[in-house]
Amino acid sequence: MSERLIDVRGLTVRYGTMTAVDSIALAVERGEVVGLIGPDGAGKTSTLRVIAGLQRAAAGSVTVLGHDVWAHRRALHHSLGYLAQRFALYGDLTVNENVQFFALLLGVQRWRSRREMLLERVGLAAFRDRQADRLSGGMKQKLALACSLMHEPQVLVLDEPTTGVDPVTRRELWKLLAGLVAEGLTLVVATPYLDEAERCSRVVLMHRGRVLADATPAAARALMHGTVVEVLAEPRGRAVEALRQAPDVLDVQPFAARLHVWLSADRPAEESVRLTLASAAVRVLDIRVIPPTLEDTFLYLTRDASAGEAA
C-alpha cells in the first residue's frame, strides 16, 4: 500500500496583488520522483518553498509526513532536505566546513563518517579543503546536495538543481539522484528542462501558477491531440511561413535544425505538409510523423490554456 508523504490542497501563494500559485493540488507518494515542470514564473519555486516550510501560503493546506508544514516547520527540517535554486552555502568556508556546519546545525550524530561517505559519493572528497567560492558551478551543486543529505531526510526538495550546469554534470547529478531514489528517498524537483521530466515517475506541468497536467510522462504526452510531423526543409524561413499559413496546421516550433509541425488529424499529416511546402517551393530533405514529445505537449497545453483565458 502506498504512503502519501506530501499532500497539497488548494495551495495559493500571493506577492502583493500578484498570484504566483493559484489553488493547486499535489500529492506525492513515498519513493516517487515528482517533477514540477514549467518556465520561469510558472509558480514552481513558490510551491517548493511552501512545501519546505520556508514560506507561508496565502490559502490552502500543505502537509508533509502528516504534519502541517508551517505549524511544524522547525521539526520538518529534520526530515526534509532542500536544495535552493541559488547557491546558498558559505563561500569562505571549505567543502569540509560547509558540510560540518549543516551537520551540527541539524544535530547529526556521527557526522564525520557520514560526511566522508557523502563527499565520496558526490565526487568531492579530493576537494574537501577547497573554499566553496573556488568550486565550479557543478561542484557547488554537488556540495549543496551533500549538505542537504547530511541529516538523512525522507524527502528531498530540489529547485532547478541543474540550471546553469554543464551537460556532463547534469547527467552525473541525475545519476546520483537515481541512486538515492533506489535507496528509498522521495524527490520533488523543479526544472525548466523538459528532457529531465522524462526521468520523473510523474510530471506536474505548470503555467502561470496553475497545473495543466499531473501524470506520468507517457500519459502526459497522450494528452496532445492531433499529429506531429518532424520536417527538415530549406529554405527554413520560407517553410515556417508557409506552414503557419496552412489551414490544417495548428502550430510550428523549431527543434534544432528541424521543425515540429502540429496538425489537426483531418487528413494524412505527412502528405499535407509535403503539399504545403511544395506549393511554396520549399525543398523537403526529411519528413516523418513522430510521437509528441513532452515539449510538444507542454506547448499544446499552454496554447490551449492561453486560448481559454482569452475567451
Protein backbone atom coordinates (compact mmCIF):
# COMPACT_ATOMS: atom_id res chain seq x y z
CA MET A 1 0.00 0.00 0.00
CA SER A 2 1.36 3.41 -0.99
CA GLU A 3 2.12 6.04 1.62
CA ARG A 4 1.40 9.68 0.93
CA LEU A 5 4.23 11.89 2.17
CA ILE A 6 3.09 15.24 0.72
CA ASP A 7 -0.49 16.44 0.43
CA VAL A 8 -1.19 19.84 -1.12
CA ARG A 9 -4.77 21.10 -1.41
CA GLY A 10 -5.90 24.45 -2.75
CA LEU A 11 -2.44 25.99 -2.38
CA THR A 12 -2.39 29.69 -3.20
CA VAL A 13 0.66 31.95 -2.96
CA ARG A 14 0.48 35.71 -3.47
CA TYR A 15 3.01 38.51 -3.58
CA GLY A 16 1.02 41.67 -3.03
CA THR A 17 -1.67 41.69 -5.68
CA MET A 18 0.07 39.10 -7.86
CA THR A 19 -0.99 35.46 -7.57
CA ALA A 20 2.04 33.23 -8.12
CA VAL A 21 0.30 29.92 -7.35
CA ASP A 22 -3.41 29.62 -7.96
CA SER A 23 -5.23 26.98 -5.89
CA ILE A 24 -3.23 23.92 -6.96
CA ALA A 25 -3.38 20.36 -5.66
CA LEU A 26 -0.49 17.91 -5.46
CA ALA A 27 0.06 14.53 -3.82
CA VAL A 28 3.41 12.74 -3.55
CA GLU A 29 3.76 9.10 -2.53
CA ARG A 30 6.82 7.57 -0.90
CA GLY A 31 9.51 6.66 -3.44
CA GLU A 32 8.18 8.88 -6.22
CA VAL A 33 10.17 11.35 -8.29
CA VAL A 34 7.74 14.18 -9.00
CA GLY A 35 8.86 16.89 -11.39
CA LEU A 36 7.37 20.38 -11.40
CA ILE A 37 7.86 21.43 -14.99
CA GLY A 38 7.43 24.89 -16.43
CA PRO A 39 9.12 28.15 -17.44
CA ASP A 40 10.15 30.98 -15.14
CA GLY A 41 7.07 32.46 -13.47
CA ALA A 42 5.12 29.19 -13.54
CA GLY A 43 4.98 29.00 -9.73
CA LYS A 44 7.45 26.15 -9.21
CA THR A 45 9.75 27.85 -6.68
CA SER A 46 6.87 29.28 -4.66
CA THR A 47 5.27 25.83 -4.45
CA LEU A 48 8.51 24.21 -3.30
CA ARG A 49 9.20 26.90 -0.72
CA VAL A 50 5.80 26.31 0.86
CA ILE A 51 6.33 22.52 0.84
CA ALA A 52 9.70 23.05 2.55
CA GLY A 53 8.17 25.24 5.26
CA LEU A 54 10.10 28.31 4.13
CA GLN A 55 7.10 30.37 3.07
CA ARG A 56 3.56 30.71 4.33
CA ALA A 57 0.72 30.08 1.94
CA ALA A 58 -1.99 32.66 1.37
CA ALA A 59 -4.60 29.88 1.27
CA GLY A 60 -4.91 26.10 1.18
CA SER A 61 -3.38 23.30 3.22
CA VAL A 62 0.00 21.60 2.87
CA THR A 63 1.07 18.60 4.94
CA VAL A 64 4.40 16.77 4.79
CA LEU A 65 4.86 13.47 6.63
CA GLY A 66 1.43 14.04 8.17
CA HIS A 67 2.18 17.46 9.67
CA ASP A 68 1.14 20.97 8.67
CA VAL A 69 4.30 22.40 7.14
CA TRP A 70 4.03 25.90 8.56
CA ALA A 71 2.96 24.96 12.08
CA HIS A 72 5.70 22.30 12.34
CA ARG A 73 8.32 23.85 10.06
CA ARG A 74 11.21 23.63 12.53
CA ALA A 75 10.66 19.92 13.18
CA LEU A 76 10.11 19.33 9.47
CA HIS A 77 13.63 20.49 8.63
CA HIS A 78 14.96 17.35 10.34
CA SER A 79 13.03 15.10 7.93
CA LEU A 80 13.19 17.11 4.72
CA GLY A 81 16.15 18.27 2.63
CA TYR A 82 16.03 21.39 0.50
CA LEU A 83 18.33 22.36 -2.35
CA ALA A 84 17.78 26.01 -3.25
CA GLN A 85 17.78 27.40 -6.77
CA ARG A 86 20.73 29.68 -5.97
CA PHE A 87 23.93 28.59 -4.26
CA ALA A 88 23.31 29.32 -0.57
CA LEU A 89 26.37 27.94 1.17
CA TYR A 90 29.27 29.86 2.70
CA GLY A 91 31.83 30.75 0.05
CA ASP A 92 34.64 31.46 2.51
CA LEU A 93 34.27 28.05 4.18
CA THR A 94 35.82 24.92 2.75
CA VAL A 95 33.86 21.94 1.46
CA ASN A 96 34.52 20.13 4.75
CA GLU A 97 33.48 23.12 6.84
CA ASN A 98 30.22 23.68 4.95
CA VAL A 99 29.12 20.07 5.43
CA GLN A 100 30.17 20.14 9.08
CA PHE A 101 28.20 23.35 9.66
CA PHE A 102 24.98 21.79 8.35
CA ALA A 103 25.58 18.60 10.31
CA LEU A 104 25.96 20.50 13.60
CA LEU A 105 23.06 22.81 12.77
CA LEU A 106 20.75 19.81 12.40
CA GLY A 107 22.20 17.84 15.31
CA VAL A 108 23.56 14.96 13.22
CA GLN A 109 25.30 12.31 15.28
CA ARG A 110 28.47 10.62 13.96
CA TRP A 111 28.60 13.29 11.29
CA ARG A 112 32.27 12.76 10.39
CA SER A 113 31.74 9.29 8.92
CA ARG A 114 28.62 10.42 7.08
CA ARG A 115 30.47 13.44 5.68
CA GLU A 116 33.19 11.15 4.35
CA MET A 117 30.63 8.90 2.69
CA LEU A 118 28.71 11.78 1.09
CA LEU A 119 31.78 13.59 -0.22
CA GLU A 120 32.98 10.35 -1.80
CA ARG A 121 29.58 9.77 -3.30
CA VAL A 122 29.25 13.20 -4.91
CA GLY A 123 32.88 13.21 -6.07
CA LEU A 124 34.18 16.00 -3.82
CA ALA A 125 36.46 14.06 -1.47
CA ALA A 126 39.55 15.33 -3.30
CA PHE A 127 38.36 18.92 -2.90
CA ARG A 128 37.47 18.84 0.80
CA ASP A 129 39.89 21.65 1.69
CA ARG A 130 38.89 23.97 -1.17
CA GLN A 131 36.79 27.04 -0.39
CA ALA A 132 33.27 26.85 -1.78
CA ASP A 133 33.74 30.07 -3.77
CA ARG A 134 36.54 28.37 -5.70
CA LEU A 135 34.37 25.47 -6.88
CA SER A 136 32.84 25.27 -10.35
CA GLY A 137 29.09 25.61 -10.73
CA GLY A 138 28.55 21.88 -10.94
CA MET A 139 30.77 21.20 -7.93
CA LYS A 140 28.85 23.80 -5.92
CA GLN A 141 25.63 21.94 -6.68
CA LYS A 142 27.19 18.66 -5.59
CA LEU A 143 28.32 20.29 -2.33
CA ALA A 144 24.82 21.68 -1.77
CA LEU A 145 23.40 18.20 -2.41
CA ALA A 146 25.78 16.66 0.13
CA CYS A 147 24.74 19.26 2.73
CA SER A 148 21.03 18.67 2.06
CA LEU A 149 21.50 14.92 2.58
CA MET A 150 23.59 15.15 5.74
CA HIS A 151 20.65 14.53 8.11
CA GLU A 152 19.25 11.59 6.08
CA PRO A 153 15.94 13.20 5.05
CA GLN A 154 12.95 11.20 3.89
CA VAL A 155 12.00 13.82 1.30
CA LEU A 156 14.38 15.90 -0.81
CA VAL A 157 13.09 19.08 -2.48
CA LEU A 158 15.26 20.45 -5.29
CA ASP A 159 14.66 23.76 -7.04
CA GLU A 160 16.16 23.65 -10.54
CA PRO A 161 19.31 21.80 -9.42
CA THR A 162 20.84 21.62 -12.91
CA THR A 163 20.20 25.15 -14.16
CA GLY A 164 23.46 26.62 -15.45
CA VAL A 165 25.27 23.31 -15.08
CA ASP A 166 27.21 21.70 -17.94
CA PRO A 167 25.70 18.60 -19.64
CA VAL A 168 28.17 16.16 -18.09
CA THR A 169 27.45 17.39 -14.56
CA ARG A 170 23.71 17.36 -15.28
CA ARG A 171 23.97 13.68 -16.13
CA GLU A 172 26.08 12.99 -13.03
CA LEU A 173 23.61 14.77 -10.76
CA TRP A 174 20.68 12.80 -12.13
CA LYS A 175 22.64 9.57 -11.72
CA LEU A 176 23.24 10.49 -8.08
CA LEU A 177 19.55 11.26 -7.59
CA ALA A 178 18.52 7.96 -9.22
CA GLY A 179 20.73 6.10 -6.75
CA LEU A 180 19.15 7.94 -3.82
CA VAL A 181 15.64 7.11 -5.04
CA ALA A 182 16.63 3.44 -5.35
CA GLU A 183 17.54 3.62 -1.64
CA GLY A 184 14.08 4.93 -0.73
CA LEU A 185 14.37 8.72 -0.94
CA THR A 186 11.37 10.67 -2.28
CA LEU A 187 12.13 13.57 -4.62
CA VAL A 188 10.21 16.67 -5.62
CA VAL A 189 12.22 18.55 -8.23
CA ALA A 190 11.51 21.70 -10.22
CA THR A 191 13.09 22.06 -13.64
CA PRO A 192 12.57 24.12 -16.79
CA TYR A 193 14.14 21.30 -18.83
CA LEU A 194 11.53 19.03 -20.36
CA ASP A 195 14.10 16.34 -21.20
CA GLU A 196 14.68 15.98 -17.44
CA ALA A 197 10.97 15.39 -16.94
CA GLU A 198 11.40 12.02 -18.65
CA ARG A 199 13.44 10.93 -15.61
CA CYS A 200 10.49 11.55 -13.28
CA SER A 201 7.88 8.99 -12.29
CA ARG A 202 5.29 11.77 -12.54
CA VAL A 203 5.30 15.26 -14.05
CA VAL A 204 3.28 18.28 -13.00
CA LEU A 205 3.14 20.73 -15.90
CA MET A 206 2.69 24.28 -14.55
CA HIS A 207 1.82 27.51 -16.33
CA ARG A 208 1.08 30.89 -14.74
CA GLY A 209 0.58 29.39 -11.30
CA ARG A 210 -1.78 26.64 -12.39
CA VAL A 211 -1.42 22.91 -13.02
CA LEU A 212 -2.08 21.96 -16.64
CA ALA A 213 -1.40 18.26 -16.20
CA ASP A 214 -0.36 15.83 -13.47
CA ALA A 215 0.51 12.44 -14.94
CA THR A 216 3.28 10.05 -15.85
CA PRO A 217 5.42 11.31 -18.76
CA ALA A 218 3.75 8.82 -21.11
CA ALA A 219 0.24 9.79 -20.00
CA ALA A 220 1.12 13.48 -20.29
CA ARG A 221 2.27 13.04 -23.88
CA ALA A 222 -1.02 11.30 -24.68
CA LEU A 223 -2.90 14.49 -23.76
CA MET A 224 -1.87 16.10 -27.03
CA HIS A 225 -4.45 15.78 -29.80
CA GLY A 226 -3.62 15.81 -33.49
CA THR A 227 -0.41 14.72 -35.19
CA VAL A 228 3.19 15.92 -35.01
CA VAL A 229 5.30 15.85 -38.16
CA GLU A 230 9.06 16.43 -37.96
CA VAL A 231 10.44 18.23 -41.01
CA LEU A 232 13.88 19.15 -42.30
CA ALA A 233 13.41 21.60 -45.16
CA GLU A 234 15.09 24.52 -46.91
CA PRO A 235 14.89 27.40 -47.03
CA ARG A 236 13.79 27.07 -43.41
CA GLY A 237 12.28 30.51 -43.02
CA ARG A 238 10.01 30.08 -46.04
CA ALA A 239 8.99 26.65 -44.74
CA VAL A 240 7.91 28.11 -41.39
CA GLU A 241 5.97 30.91 -43.07
CA ALA A 242 4.16 28.56 -45.44
CA LEU A 243 3.27 26.02 -42.76
CA ARG A 244 1.94 28.64 -40.34
CA GLN A 245 -0.45 29.86 -43.02
CA ALA A 246 -1.76 26.38 -43.82
CA PRO A 247 -5.35 25.87 -42.56
CA ASP A 248 -4.75 22.43 -41.04
CA VAL A 249 -1.53 23.43 -39.23
CA LEU A 250 -2.12 24.37 -35.60
CA ASP A 251 1.46 25.32 -34.68
CA VAL A 252 5.06 25.17 -35.88
CA GLN A 253 8.00 25.03 -33.47
CA PRO A 254 11.74 24.87 -34.28
CA PHE A 255 13.66 21.93 -32.77
CA ALA A 256 17.36 22.46 -33.62
CA ALA A 257 17.61 22.25 -37.42
CA ARG A 258 14.18 20.64 -37.75
CA LEU A 259 10.60 21.79 -37.37
CA HIS A 260 7.83 20.15 -35.38
CA VAL A 261 4.56 20.75 -37.18
CA TRP A 262 1.38 20.15 -35.21
CA LEU A 263 -1.65 19.38 -37.36
CA SER A 264 -5.27 18.52 -36.84
CA ALA A 265 -5.89 14.92 -37.92
CA ASP A 266 -8.35 15.70 -40.72
CA ARG A 267 -6.20 14.15 -43.47
CA PRO A 268 -2.84 12.31 -43.73
CA ALA A 269 -0.44 14.63 -41.95
CA GLU A 270 2.74 13.88 -43.87
CA GLU A 271 1.03 14.34 -47.22
CA SER A 272 -0.48 17.61 -46.04
CA VAL A 273 2.90 19.01 -45.05
CA ARG A 274 4.53 17.90 -48.31
CA LEU A 275 1.83 19.59 -50.39
CA THR A 276 2.04 22.82 -48.39
CA LEU A 277 5.81 23.01 -48.74
CA ALA A 278 5.80 22.05 -52.44
CA SER A 279 3.35 24.89 -53.19
CA ALA A 280 5.78 27.31 -51.51
CA ALA A 281 8.78 25.99 -53.48
CA VAL A 282 10.39 24.57 -50.34
CA ARG A 283 12.62 21.51 -50.67
CA VAL A 284 11.89 18.73 -48.17
CA LEU A 285 15.05 16.93 -47.06
CA ASP A 286 13.44 14.68 -44.46
CA ILE A 287 9.94 14.23 -43.11
CA ARG A 288 8.26 11.79 -40.74
CA VAL A 289 5.37 11.52 -38.31
CA ILE A 290 6.68 11.29 -34.74
CA PRO A 291 5.16 10.71 -31.30
CA PRO A 292 4.73 14.03 -29.48
CA THR A 293 7.48 14.95 -27.03
CA LEU A 294 6.76 16.40 -23.61
CA GLU A 295 7.80 19.75 -25.02
CA ASP A 296 5.24 19.40 -27.82
CA THR A 297 2.61 18.52 -25.22
CA PHE A 298 3.54 21.41 -22.95
CA LEU A 299 3.31 23.90 -25.82
CA TYR A 300 -0.03 22.39 -26.82
CA LEU A 301 -1.42 22.67 -23.28
CA THR A 302 -0.16 26.23 -22.74
CA ARG A 303 -1.61 27.26 -26.09
CA ASP A 304 -4.94 25.75 -25.10
CA ALA A 305 -4.83 27.44 -21.69
CA SER A 306 -4.00 30.83 -23.22
CA ALA A 307 -6.87 30.44 -25.66
CA GLY A 308 -9.22 29.69 -22.76
CA GLU A 309 -8.03 32.76 -20.85
CA ALA A 310 -8.54 34.96 -23.91
CA ALA A 311 -12.06 33.61 -24.36
